[in-house]
N, C-alpha and C. Protein backbone atom coordinates (compact mmCIF):
# COMPACT_ATOMS: atom_id res chain seq x y z
N MET A 1 -74.16 9.00 87.09
CA MET A 1 -72.92 8.62 86.42
C MET A 1 -72.16 9.85 85.90
N TRP A 2 -72.92 10.81 85.36
CA TRP A 2 -72.26 12.00 84.82
C TRP A 2 -71.56 12.78 85.92
N ARG A 3 -72.03 12.69 87.17
CA ARG A 3 -71.37 13.38 88.27
C ARG A 3 -69.99 12.79 88.54
N TRP A 4 -69.90 11.47 88.48
CA TRP A 4 -68.61 10.82 88.71
C TRP A 4 -67.63 11.17 87.58
N ILE A 5 -68.13 11.21 86.38
CA ILE A 5 -67.26 11.57 85.25
C ILE A 5 -66.82 13.02 85.38
N SER A 6 -67.74 13.91 85.75
CA SER A 6 -67.40 15.32 85.94
C SER A 6 -66.37 15.48 87.05
N LEU A 7 -66.57 14.78 88.15
CA LEU A 7 -65.64 14.84 89.27
C LEU A 7 -64.27 14.32 88.85
N LEU A 8 -64.23 13.23 88.12
CA LEU A 8 -62.97 12.66 87.65
C LEU A 8 -62.25 13.64 86.72
N LEU A 9 -62.99 14.27 85.80
CA LEU A 9 -62.37 15.24 84.89
C LEU A 9 -61.83 16.46 85.63
N VAL A 10 -62.56 16.92 86.66
CA VAL A 10 -62.08 18.06 87.45
C VAL A 10 -60.80 17.67 88.20
N LEU A 11 -60.77 16.47 88.76
CA LEU A 11 -59.57 16.01 89.46
C LEU A 11 -58.38 15.88 88.51
N VAL A 12 -58.61 15.36 87.32
CA VAL A 12 -57.54 15.25 86.31
C VAL A 12 -57.06 16.64 85.91
N LEU A 13 -58.00 17.58 85.74
CA LEU A 13 -57.63 18.96 85.39
C LEU A 13 -56.78 19.59 86.49
N LEU A 14 -57.20 19.42 87.75
CA LEU A 14 -56.43 19.98 88.86
C LEU A 14 -55.05 19.33 88.96
N ALA A 15 -54.99 18.02 88.78
CA ALA A 15 -53.71 17.33 88.84
C ALA A 15 -52.78 17.79 87.72
N SER A 16 -53.31 17.93 86.52
CA SER A 16 -52.45 18.35 85.41
C SER A 16 -51.98 19.79 85.59
N ASN A 17 -52.86 20.66 86.08
CA ASN A 17 -52.44 22.05 86.33
C ASN A 17 -51.40 22.11 87.44
N GLY A 18 -51.56 21.27 88.46
CA GLY A 18 -50.56 21.20 89.52
C GLY A 18 -49.22 20.73 88.99
N TYR A 19 -49.28 19.76 88.09
CA TYR A 19 -48.04 19.24 87.50
C TYR A 19 -47.34 20.33 86.68
N TRP A 20 -48.10 21.08 85.87
CA TRP A 20 -47.50 22.13 85.05
C TRP A 20 -46.96 23.26 85.94
N LEU A 21 -47.65 23.55 87.03
CA LEU A 21 -47.15 24.56 87.97
C LEU A 21 -45.84 24.10 88.60
N TYR A 22 -45.79 22.85 88.98
CA TYR A 22 -44.55 22.27 89.54
C TYR A 22 -43.41 22.38 88.52
N LEU A 23 -43.66 22.02 87.26
CA LEU A 23 -42.62 22.10 86.23
C LEU A 23 -42.14 23.52 86.03
N ALA A 24 -43.06 24.49 86.05
CA ALA A 24 -42.68 25.89 85.86
C ALA A 24 -41.81 26.37 87.02
N LEU A 25 -42.18 26.05 88.24
CA LEU A 25 -41.38 26.45 89.40
C LEU A 25 -40.02 25.76 89.40
N ASP A 26 -40.00 24.49 89.03
CA ASP A 26 -38.74 23.75 88.97
C ASP A 26 -37.82 24.35 87.91
N TRP A 27 -38.36 24.67 86.75
CA TRP A 27 -37.55 25.26 85.68
C TRP A 27 -37.01 26.62 86.12
N GLY A 28 -37.86 27.42 86.80
CA GLY A 28 -37.42 28.74 87.26
C GLY A 28 -36.29 28.66 88.26
N SER A 29 -36.40 27.73 89.21
CA SER A 29 -35.33 27.61 90.20
C SER A 29 -34.05 27.06 89.57
N ALA A 30 -34.18 26.13 88.63
CA ALA A 30 -32.99 25.59 87.95
C ALA A 30 -32.32 26.68 87.11
N GLU A 31 -33.11 27.52 86.45
CA GLU A 31 -32.54 28.60 85.64
C GLU A 31 -31.81 29.61 86.53
N LYS A 32 -32.37 29.92 87.67
CA LYS A 32 -31.72 30.84 88.60
C LYS A 32 -30.38 30.27 89.06
N TYR A 33 -30.37 28.96 89.35
CA TYR A 33 -29.13 28.29 89.76
C TYR A 33 -28.10 28.35 88.64
N ARG A 34 -28.51 28.11 87.40
CA ARG A 34 -27.58 28.18 86.26
C ARG A 34 -27.01 29.59 86.11
N GLN A 35 -27.85 30.60 86.28
CA GLN A 35 -27.38 31.97 86.18
C GLN A 35 -26.37 32.29 87.29
N LEU A 36 -26.63 31.83 88.48
CA LEU A 36 -25.72 32.05 89.60
C LEU A 36 -24.38 31.37 89.34
N MET A 37 -24.41 30.14 88.83
CA MET A 37 -23.16 29.43 88.53
C MET A 37 -22.38 30.15 87.43
N ALA A 38 -23.06 30.64 86.41
CA ALA A 38 -22.37 31.37 85.34
C ALA A 38 -21.74 32.66 85.89
N TYR A 39 -22.45 33.36 86.74
CA TYR A 39 -21.93 34.58 87.36
C TYR A 39 -20.67 34.27 88.18
N GLU A 40 -20.74 33.22 88.99
CA GLU A 40 -19.58 32.84 89.80
C GLU A 40 -18.41 32.42 88.93
N ARG A 41 -18.67 31.66 87.87
CA ARG A 41 -17.60 31.23 86.97
C ARG A 41 -16.92 32.43 86.31
N GLU A 42 -17.72 33.39 85.85
CA GLU A 42 -17.14 34.58 85.23
C GLU A 42 -16.24 35.33 86.20
N ASN A 43 -16.68 35.49 87.44
CA ASN A 43 -15.88 36.21 88.42
C ASN A 43 -14.64 35.42 88.83
N GLN A 44 -14.75 34.10 88.90
CA GLN A 44 -13.57 33.28 89.21
C GLN A 44 -12.54 33.40 88.11
N VAL A 45 -12.97 33.36 86.86
CA VAL A 45 -12.04 33.49 85.73
C VAL A 45 -11.38 34.86 85.76
N GLU A 46 -12.15 35.90 86.03
CA GLU A 46 -11.59 37.24 86.07
C GLU A 46 -10.58 37.38 87.21
N ALA A 47 -10.88 36.81 88.37
CA ALA A 47 -9.96 36.89 89.51
C ALA A 47 -8.67 36.13 89.21
N LEU A 48 -8.79 34.95 88.64
CA LEU A 48 -7.59 34.18 88.30
C LEU A 48 -6.78 34.87 87.21
N LYS A 49 -7.46 35.52 86.26
CA LYS A 49 -6.76 36.25 85.21
C LYS A 49 -5.96 37.41 85.81
N ARG A 50 -6.57 38.13 86.72
CA ARG A 50 -5.86 39.25 87.35
C ARG A 50 -4.66 38.77 88.16
N LEU A 51 -4.85 37.69 88.90
CA LEU A 51 -3.75 37.14 89.70
C LEU A 51 -2.62 36.66 88.79
N SER A 52 -2.96 35.92 87.76
CA SER A 52 -1.95 35.42 86.83
C SER A 52 -1.28 36.56 86.09
N ASP A 53 -2.07 37.54 85.72
CA ASP A 53 -1.54 38.71 85.02
C ASP A 53 -0.46 39.39 85.86
N HIS A 54 -0.70 39.50 87.15
CA HIS A 54 0.25 40.13 88.05
C HIS A 54 1.58 39.37 88.09
N PHE A 55 1.52 38.05 88.11
CA PHE A 55 2.74 37.26 88.22
C PHE A 55 3.48 37.09 86.90
N VAL A 56 2.77 37.15 85.79
CA VAL A 56 3.41 36.91 84.49
C VAL A 56 3.88 38.21 83.84
N GLN A 57 3.21 39.30 84.14
CA GLN A 57 3.52 40.57 83.49
C GLN A 57 4.96 40.99 83.76
N GLY A 58 5.67 41.33 82.69
CA GLY A 58 7.05 41.75 82.80
C GLY A 58 8.06 40.63 82.66
N SER A 59 7.59 39.40 82.50
CA SER A 59 8.50 38.26 82.31
C SER A 59 9.07 38.27 80.90
N SER A 60 10.23 37.65 80.74
CA SER A 60 10.81 37.52 79.41
C SER A 60 10.19 36.33 78.70
N LYS A 61 10.43 36.24 77.42
CA LYS A 61 9.87 35.14 76.63
C LYS A 61 10.40 33.80 77.11
N ALA A 62 11.68 33.72 77.46
CA ALA A 62 12.26 32.47 77.94
C ALA A 62 11.63 32.05 79.26
N ASP A 63 11.44 33.02 80.16
CA ASP A 63 10.78 32.70 81.44
C ASP A 63 9.34 32.24 81.22
N LEU A 64 8.65 32.87 80.28
CA LEU A 64 7.28 32.47 80.00
C LEU A 64 7.21 31.04 79.48
N TYR A 65 8.08 30.70 78.52
CA TYR A 65 8.10 29.33 78.00
C TYR A 65 8.40 28.32 79.10
N GLU A 66 9.32 28.67 79.99
CA GLU A 66 9.68 27.77 81.09
C GLU A 66 8.48 27.58 82.03
N THR A 67 7.80 28.66 82.37
CA THR A 67 6.64 28.59 83.25
C THR A 67 5.51 27.80 82.61
N LEU A 68 5.24 28.07 81.34
CA LEU A 68 4.14 27.37 80.66
C LEU A 68 4.44 25.89 80.47
N ALA A 69 5.72 25.54 80.31
CA ALA A 69 6.07 24.12 80.19
C ALA A 69 5.79 23.37 81.49
N VAL A 70 5.91 24.06 82.62
CA VAL A 70 5.61 23.43 83.90
C VAL A 70 4.10 23.38 84.15
N VAL A 71 3.42 24.48 83.86
CA VAL A 71 1.98 24.58 84.15
C VAL A 71 1.15 23.79 83.15
N PHE A 72 1.49 23.86 81.87
CA PHE A 72 0.75 23.17 80.81
C PHE A 72 1.70 22.24 80.05
N PRO A 73 2.12 21.14 80.63
CA PRO A 73 3.11 20.29 79.95
C PRO A 73 2.59 19.64 78.67
N GLU A 74 1.29 19.42 78.56
CA GLU A 74 0.76 18.75 77.37
C GLU A 74 0.35 19.73 76.27
N GLU A 75 0.37 21.02 76.55
CA GLU A 75 -0.02 22.02 75.56
C GLU A 75 1.11 22.29 74.57
N GLU A 76 0.71 22.54 73.35
CA GLU A 76 1.68 22.92 72.33
C GLU A 76 1.61 24.44 72.18
N LEU A 77 2.69 25.11 72.50
CA LEU A 77 2.76 26.57 72.44
C LEU A 77 3.18 27.01 71.05
N PHE A 78 2.64 28.16 70.63
CA PHE A 78 3.03 28.71 69.33
C PHE A 78 2.99 30.24 69.42
N GLU A 79 3.79 30.87 68.55
CA GLU A 79 3.84 32.33 68.51
C GLU A 79 3.09 32.81 67.28
N LYS A 80 2.26 33.83 67.49
CA LYS A 80 1.50 34.40 66.39
C LYS A 80 1.17 35.85 66.72
N GLU A 81 1.45 36.75 65.81
CA GLU A 81 1.12 38.16 65.93
C GLU A 81 1.63 38.79 67.23
N GLY A 82 2.87 38.50 67.57
CA GLY A 82 3.49 39.13 68.73
C GLY A 82 3.01 38.61 70.07
N ALA A 83 2.53 37.37 70.08
CA ALA A 83 2.06 36.78 71.34
C ALA A 83 2.37 35.29 71.35
N VAL A 84 2.58 34.75 72.53
CA VAL A 84 2.71 33.30 72.70
C VAL A 84 1.32 32.80 73.04
N ASN A 85 0.88 31.76 72.33
CA ASN A 85 -0.47 31.25 72.49
C ASN A 85 -0.46 29.79 72.87
N CYS A 86 -1.45 29.40 73.65
CA CYS A 86 -1.76 28.00 73.87
C CYS A 86 -3.27 27.86 73.64
N THR A 87 -3.83 26.76 73.97
CA THR A 87 -5.23 26.52 73.64
C THR A 87 -6.16 27.56 74.25
N TRP A 88 -5.97 27.91 75.52
CA TRP A 88 -6.93 28.76 76.22
C TRP A 88 -6.45 30.17 76.49
N LEU A 89 -5.13 30.41 76.39
CA LEU A 89 -4.58 31.70 76.78
C LEU A 89 -3.66 32.27 75.71
N SER A 90 -3.54 33.59 75.72
CA SER A 90 -2.63 34.29 74.83
C SER A 90 -1.83 35.28 75.68
N PHE A 91 -0.52 35.35 75.41
CA PHE A 91 0.37 36.20 76.18
C PHE A 91 1.03 37.20 75.23
N PRO A 92 0.44 38.39 75.07
CA PRO A 92 1.04 39.39 74.17
C PRO A 92 2.31 40.00 74.78
N PHE A 93 3.18 40.49 73.88
CA PHE A 93 4.45 41.07 74.32
C PHE A 93 4.49 42.56 74.04
N THR A 94 5.24 43.27 74.87
CA THR A 94 5.49 44.68 74.65
C THR A 94 6.56 44.80 73.57
N PRO A 95 6.79 46.00 73.04
CA PRO A 95 7.88 46.17 72.06
C PRO A 95 9.26 45.83 72.63
N GLU A 96 9.41 45.88 73.94
CA GLU A 96 10.68 45.53 74.58
C GLU A 96 10.87 44.03 74.70
N GLY A 97 9.85 43.24 74.38
CA GLY A 97 9.95 41.79 74.44
C GLY A 97 9.53 41.18 75.77
N LEU A 98 8.84 41.95 76.60
CA LEU A 98 8.35 41.43 77.88
C LEU A 98 6.86 41.13 77.78
N VAL A 99 6.40 40.24 78.62
CA VAL A 99 4.99 39.87 78.60
C VAL A 99 4.15 41.06 79.06
N ASP A 100 3.12 41.38 78.28
CA ASP A 100 2.26 42.53 78.57
C ASP A 100 1.08 42.14 79.45
N GLY A 101 0.72 40.87 79.47
CA GLY A 101 -0.41 40.41 80.27
C GLY A 101 -0.94 39.10 79.72
N ILE A 102 -2.15 38.78 80.10
CA ILE A 102 -2.79 37.55 79.67
C ILE A 102 -4.14 37.90 79.06
N GLU A 103 -4.45 37.24 77.96
CA GLU A 103 -5.77 37.36 77.36
C GLU A 103 -6.38 35.97 77.29
N VAL A 104 -7.63 35.87 77.66
CA VAL A 104 -8.33 34.60 77.59
C VAL A 104 -8.85 34.42 76.16
N VAL A 105 -8.50 33.29 75.56
CA VAL A 105 -8.93 33.00 74.19
C VAL A 105 -10.34 32.42 74.25
N PRO A 106 -11.30 33.03 73.54
CA PRO A 106 -12.67 32.50 73.58
C PRO A 106 -12.81 31.19 72.84
């Protein structure tokens, strides 16, 4: 009888260790996927920022308001500290009153 109990306990031990090994490998692959997605998201945001920066830079304040009203119709724009701001972006101005670029608001 003790042999059957010993065999059963060994099988349970092997099954539980296999389960924990599976969980560790699954967590590792999921974490790698999350890191890859975060890396891609960061680069996508940077690429879009550069592209947008190129098209907006040098625009007047009136042109910027007109563009933002089309792109973000539901956003409420406000001016603070020499920049036009919306929820996610800030558009600072040069001393001449032209858009200097885009800053992503954290």
